[in-house]
Every structure is written in structure tokens, then in C-alpha cells.
């Protein structure tokens, strides 16, 4: 039983370290607020805040040279720094705003943002 408890604690600490690696203090704080939500309503509100903040930062940090061949603005994910799977075909990063939102929420053919997934798992581990 002690081994299981130790493994759960190690997993929790590893998830905390993932959030500690976010190199934007504002995003990091928003992730921790979401992970420490007291109930689902607060979690949902914090998630919306984090999604909006992430979109804002992505749009701000996107440079004119990061447009795809069709002229759509693109950006890497500010949380996980991923550029997505199709970047070699169309240009660097997720299409703004919908491509990035799909990545952050996991509502796409690709994998959900690992940082968002970690925040969710931290929230669920408190329950």
C-alpha cells in the first residue's frame, strides 16, 4: 500500500514539474488556478480564462513570417511549444484562433495539448 501511495505522490510531483516548466508566469499562474479549482463550475471558468489568455499570447507572439501558404496567421502553442503535425506542409504552428483552440481542448484529430491534459489530471487528482 505504501508503494502505491509513493507512486501517486511521484506522479503528482511530476505533473507539478510540468507546470513549473512553463516559461510564462501569467500562463503558469492560470494553469495552477485551474488545477486547484474547488469544483467543476470554478474549473470550467478557469479553463475559459486559460484558453482566452493562451489565445491572446499566441496572437501577440505570432510574427508576420509565421503565416501559412494561404495567408492564415499561425503560432506555436504557448503552453507546450508544439507547432502541430502539419507544419512542414503549410507553415509554422497552429492556425489562429481555431486550430490552437482545437489543440488546447483536444477537439481535433491531433493530440490534446499535454500541458492542458496535465492541468486536468492535477484537478482530478484532488477529487
Protein backbone atom coordinates (compact mmCIF):
# COMPACT_ATOMS: atom_id res chain seq x y z
CA UNK A 1 0.00 0.00 0.00
CA UNK A 2 2.85 2.39 0.78
CA UNK A 3 4.29 1.74 -2.67
CA UNK A 4 1.04 2.81 -4.35
CA UNK A 5 0.89 5.94 -2.23
CA UNK A 6 4.51 6.74 -3.12
CA UNK A 7 3.81 6.23 -6.83
CA UNK A 8 0.76 8.51 -6.68
CA UNK A 9 2.85 11.17 -4.95
CA UNK A 10 5.60 10.82 -7.57
CA UNK A 11 3.03 11.21 -10.35
CA UNK A 12 1.54 14.28 -8.67
CA UNK A 13 5.01 15.82 -8.29
CA UNK A 14 5.86 15.08 -11.93
CA UNK A 15 2.69 16.84 -13.04
CA UNK A 16 3.58 19.83 -10.85
CA UNK A 17 7.02 19.98 -12.50
CA UNK A 18 5.38 20.09 -15.94
CA UNK A 19 3.58 23.28 -14.89
CA UNK A 20 6.77 24.65 -13.32
CA UNK A 21 8.43 24.41 -16.75
CA UNK A 22 6.01 26.89 -18.34
CA UNK A 23 8.20 29.91 -19.09
CA UNK A 24 5.41 32.49 -18.89
CA UNK A 25 4.46 33.47 -15.34
CA UNK A 26 0.95 34.59 -16.27
CA UNK A 27 0.21 31.29 -18.04
CA UNK A 28 1.77 29.30 -15.22
CA UNK A 29 -0.40 31.03 -12.61
CA UNK A 30 -3.53 30.49 -14.73
CA UNK A 31 -2.69 26.78 -15.01
CA UNK A 32 -2.26 26.46 -11.26
CA UNK A 33 -5.55 28.32 -10.62
CA UNK A 34 -7.34 25.91 -12.95
CA UNK A 35 -5.71 22.84 -11.38
CA UNK A 36 -6.64 24.00 -7.87
CA UNK A 37 -10.30 24.71 -8.65
CA UNK A 38 -12.65 23.73 -5.86
CA UNK A 39 -15.49 22.42 -8.04
CA UNK A 40 -16.40 21.83 -11.68
CA UNK A 41 -18.02 25.26 -12.15
CA UNK A 42 -14.85 27.01 -10.99
CA UNK A 43 -12.77 24.62 -13.11
CA UNK A 44 -14.83 25.47 -16.21
CA UNK A 45 -14.50 29.22 -15.58
CA UNK A 46 -10.73 28.91 -15.03
CA UNK A 47 -10.42 26.81 -18.19
CA UNK A 48 -12.16 29.53 -20.23
CA UNK A 49 -9.79 32.11 -18.73
CA UNK A 50 -6.75 29.98 -19.58
CA UNK A 51 -7.96 29.39 -23.14
CA UNK A 52 -8.51 33.13 -23.68
CA UNK A 53 -5.12 34.02 -22.18
CA UNK A 54 -3.35 31.39 -24.28
CA UNK A 55 -5.04 32.66 -27.46
CA UNK A 56 -4.10 36.26 -26.61
CA UNK A 57 -0.46 35.35 -26.02
CA UNK A 58 -0.32 33.26 -29.20
CA UNK A 59 -1.73 36.13 -31.28
CA UNK A 60 0.66 38.62 -29.65
CA UNK A 61 3.72 36.40 -30.15
CA UNK A 62 2.87 35.42 -33.72
CA UNK A 63 5.18 37.20 -36.12
CA UNK A 64 4.44 38.21 -39.72
CA UNK A 65 6.73 35.45 -41.02
CA UNK A 66 4.60 32.78 -39.31
CA UNK A 67 1.77 32.66 -41.82
CA UNK A 68 0.89 29.63 -43.85
CA UNK A 69 0.86 29.46 -47.62
CA UNK A 70 -2.80 30.55 -47.59
CA UNK A 71 -2.14 33.67 -45.51
CA UNK A 72 -3.60 32.37 -42.24
CA UNK A 73 -1.89 33.53 -39.07
CA UNK A 74 -0.22 30.70 -37.16
CA UNK A 75 1.53 30.26 -33.83
CA UNK A 76 3.13 27.61 -31.68
CA UNK A 77 1.18 26.64 -28.57
CA UNK A 78 2.32 28.99 -25.78
CA UNK A 79 1.86 26.21 -23.22
CA UNK A 80 3.62 23.19 -24.74
CA UNK A 81 5.55 24.93 -27.55
CA UNK A 82 4.22 22.42 -30.09
CA UNK A 83 3.86 23.51 -33.71
CA UNK A 84 1.42 20.77 -34.69
CA UNK A 85 1.73 17.91 -37.13
CA UNK A 86 1.27 19.62 -40.49
CA UNK A 87 3.74 22.47 -40.12
CA UNK A 88 6.01 21.26 -42.93
CA UNK A 89 3.12 21.40 -45.37
CA UNK A 90 1.54 24.74 -44.56
CA UNK A 91 3.79 26.79 -42.27
CA UNK A 92 4.73 27.07 -38.62
CA UNK A 93 2.25 26.44 -35.87
CA UNK A 94 -1.46 26.14 -35.25
CA UNK A 95 -3.90 28.22 -37.26
CA UNK A 96 -5.25 31.06 -35.12
CA UNK A 97 -7.64 31.06 -33.43
CA UNK A 98 -9.48 27.78 -34.16
CA UNK A 99 -6.53 25.46 -34.75
CA UNK A 100 -4.94 26.42 -31.46
CA UNK A 101 -8.27 26.11 -29.62
CA UNK A 102 -8.74 22.60 -31.01
CA UNK A 103 -5.23 21.68 -29.85
CA UNK A 104 -5.86 23.11 -26.37
CA UNK A 105 -9.22 21.37 -25.91
CA UNK A 106 -8.35 18.11 -27.66
CA UNK A 107 -11.18 18.57 -30.15
CA UNK A 108 -9.20 17.73 -33.23
CA UNK A 109 -7.63 14.76 -34.94
CA UNK A 110 -4.38 15.54 -33.17
CA UNK A 111 -3.41 15.03 -29.57
CA UNK A 112 -4.64 17.37 -26.85
CA UNK A 113 -2.07 19.84 -25.52
CA UNK A 114 -0.05 17.86 -22.94
CA UNK A 115 0.03 20.83 -20.56
CA UNK A 116 -3.77 21.19 -20.63
CA UNK A 117 -4.03 17.45 -20.09
CA UNK A 118 -1.67 17.72 -17.10
CA UNK A 119 -3.70 20.57 -15.59
CA UNK A 120 -6.86 18.47 -15.92
CA UNK A 121 -5.18 15.47 -14.29
CA UNK A 122 -3.97 17.63 -11.39
CA UNK A 123 -7.52 18.90 -10.89
CA UNK A 124 -8.94 15.37 -10.97
CA UNK A 125 -6.30 14.07 -8.56
CA UNK A 126 -7.71 16.35 -5.85
CA UNK A 127 -11.14 14.74 -6.05
